[in-house]
Amino acid sequence: MNPHPAAPDASAIREALRAVQDPEIGMNIVDLGLVYDIAVEGNQVAVRMTMTSPACPMGQMILDDVDEAIARLCPDLERFVELVWSPEWSPALMSESAKAHFGWQDDDA
């Protein structure tokens, strides 16, 4: 048994973040296109993400949920969650399944 398991990669972390919901919209933050970048280096995980609006009243709760989701997956790694506003979020960033759920078409975004 390996006493030092390998850190999860960015795709495993992205998958774990699918458990984080935007409660106002009722969809996970990955399919909404809110997660821009995930980097795993050494003992650190860094996530760059945004909100659908700078006025999002649930922003801090979502950030806390992101931190908790990463901590469940890799409790021994340092976590950094950076909220960014560039690029600005738009419906074009949603996954195809999210666009279909909300009835968006590519020319709507």
Protein backbone atom coordinates (compact mmCIF):
# COMPACT_ATOMS: atom_id res chain seq x y z
CA MET A 1 0.00 0.00 0.00
CA ASN A 2 1.34 3.42 -0.97
CA PRO A 3 1.58 5.71 2.10
CA HIS A 4 1.61 8.76 -0.21
CA PRO A 5 -1.21 8.39 -2.74
CA ALA A 6 -1.00 10.50 -5.84
CA ALA A 7 -2.88 13.79 -5.76
CA PRO A 8 -6.04 13.85 -7.87
CA ASP A 9 -5.61 15.42 -11.27
CA ALA A 10 -7.58 18.40 -12.59
CA SER A 11 -10.21 16.18 -14.23
CA ALA A 12 -10.91 14.37 -10.92
CA ILE A 13 -11.26 17.71 -9.15
CA ARG A 14 -13.54 19.02 -11.91
CA GLU A 15 -15.69 15.93 -11.47
CA ALA A 16 -15.86 16.51 -7.69
CA LEU A 17 -16.96 20.10 -8.34
CA ARG A 18 -20.02 18.80 -10.19
CA ALA A 19 -21.46 18.25 -6.68
CA VAL A 20 -21.43 22.03 -6.11
CA GLN A 21 -24.71 23.60 -7.11
CA ASP A 22 -25.62 27.19 -7.83
CA PRO A 23 -28.73 27.16 -5.63
CA GLU A 24 -30.44 29.98 -7.50
CA ILE A 25 -30.12 28.23 -10.84
CA GLY A 26 -30.31 24.61 -9.70
CA MET A 27 -27.37 23.33 -11.72
CA ASN A 28 -23.80 22.42 -10.93
CA ILE A 29 -21.07 25.02 -11.38
CA VAL A 30 -19.10 22.92 -13.89
CA ASP A 31 -21.97 22.60 -16.36
CA LEU A 32 -22.80 26.26 -15.85
CA GLY A 33 -19.29 27.10 -17.05
CA LEU A 34 -18.28 28.85 -13.83
CA VAL A 35 -15.03 26.88 -13.40
CA TYR A 36 -12.35 28.36 -15.66
CA ASP A 37 -9.18 26.59 -14.59
CA ILE A 38 -7.95 23.92 -12.17
CA ALA A 39 -4.26 23.47 -11.45
CA VAL A 40 -2.67 20.84 -9.24
CA GLU A 41 0.98 21.45 -8.38
CA GLY A 42 2.83 19.76 -5.55
CA ASN A 43 0.62 19.92 -2.48
CA GLN A 44 -1.64 22.69 -3.82
CA VAL A 45 -4.87 22.89 -5.77
CA ALA A 46 -5.84 26.19 -7.36
CA VAL A 47 -9.25 26.84 -8.89
CA ARG A 48 -10.09 29.94 -10.93
CA MET A 49 -13.80 30.48 -11.25
CA THR A 50 -16.49 33.11 -11.63
CA MET A 51 -20.15 33.68 -10.83
CA THR A 52 -22.98 34.35 -13.25
CA SER A 53 -23.10 37.91 -11.87
CA PRO A 54 -20.89 40.03 -9.59
CA ALA A 55 -24.06 40.65 -7.55
CA CYS A 56 -24.61 36.92 -6.92
CA PRO A 57 -25.99 36.72 -3.38
CA MET A 58 -24.89 33.10 -3.05
CA GLY A 59 -21.29 33.75 -4.10
CA GLN A 60 -19.62 33.13 -0.75
CA MET A 61 -21.67 30.01 -0.13
CA ILE A 62 -20.66 28.62 -3.54
CA LEU A 63 -16.99 29.41 -2.86
CA ASP A 64 -17.24 27.64 0.50
CA ASP A 65 -18.88 24.63 -1.17
CA VAL A 66 -16.05 24.51 -3.73
CA ASP A 67 -13.47 24.49 -0.95
CA GLU A 68 -15.35 21.74 0.89
CA ALA A 69 -15.70 19.59 -2.26
CA ILE A 70 -11.96 19.78 -2.90
CA ALA A 71 -11.20 19.08 0.77
CA ARG A 72 -13.32 15.91 0.66
CA LEU A 73 -11.40 14.66 -2.37
CA CYS A 74 -7.91 15.68 -1.26
CA PRO A 75 -7.86 16.76 2.39
CA ASP A 76 -4.07 16.98 2.59
CA LEU A 77 -3.68 19.53 -0.20
CA GLU A 78 -3.74 23.30 0.24
CA ARG A 79 -6.69 24.82 -1.54
CA PHE A 80 -6.85 28.18 -3.28
CA VAL A 81 -10.12 29.29 -4.86
CA GLU A 82 -9.82 32.51 -6.84
CA LEU A 83 -12.90 34.42 -7.91
CA VAL A 84 -12.30 36.21 -11.22
CA TRP A 85 -14.45 38.44 -13.41
CA SER A 86 -12.51 38.14 -16.64
CA PRO A 87 -13.54 36.64 -18.86
CA GLU A 88 -17.05 37.64 -17.97
CA TRP A 89 -19.44 34.71 -17.68
CA SER A 90 -21.97 34.23 -20.46
CA PRO A 91 -24.40 31.44 -21.35
CA ALA A 92 -22.00 30.45 -24.14
CA LEU A 93 -19.75 28.97 -21.43
CA MET A 94 -22.37 26.42 -20.35
CA SER A 95 -22.05 22.76 -21.30
CA GLU A 96 -24.27 21.50 -24.10
CA SER A 97 -26.45 19.68 -21.56
CA ALA A 98 -26.92 22.89 -19.54
CA LYS A 99 -27.80 24.84 -22.68
CA ALA A 100 -30.34 22.17 -23.61
CA HIS A 101 -31.78 22.18 -20.07
CA PHE A 102 -32.37 25.94 -20.20
CA GLY A 103 -33.42 25.98 -23.85
CA TRP A 104 -30.40 28.00 -25.01
CA GLN A 105 -29.18 27.69 -28.55
CA ASP A 106 -25.68 28.70 -29.65
CA ASP A 107 -27.00 31.83 -31.36
CA ASP A 108 -28.76 32.86 -28.10
CA ALA A 109 -25.53 33.04 -26.09
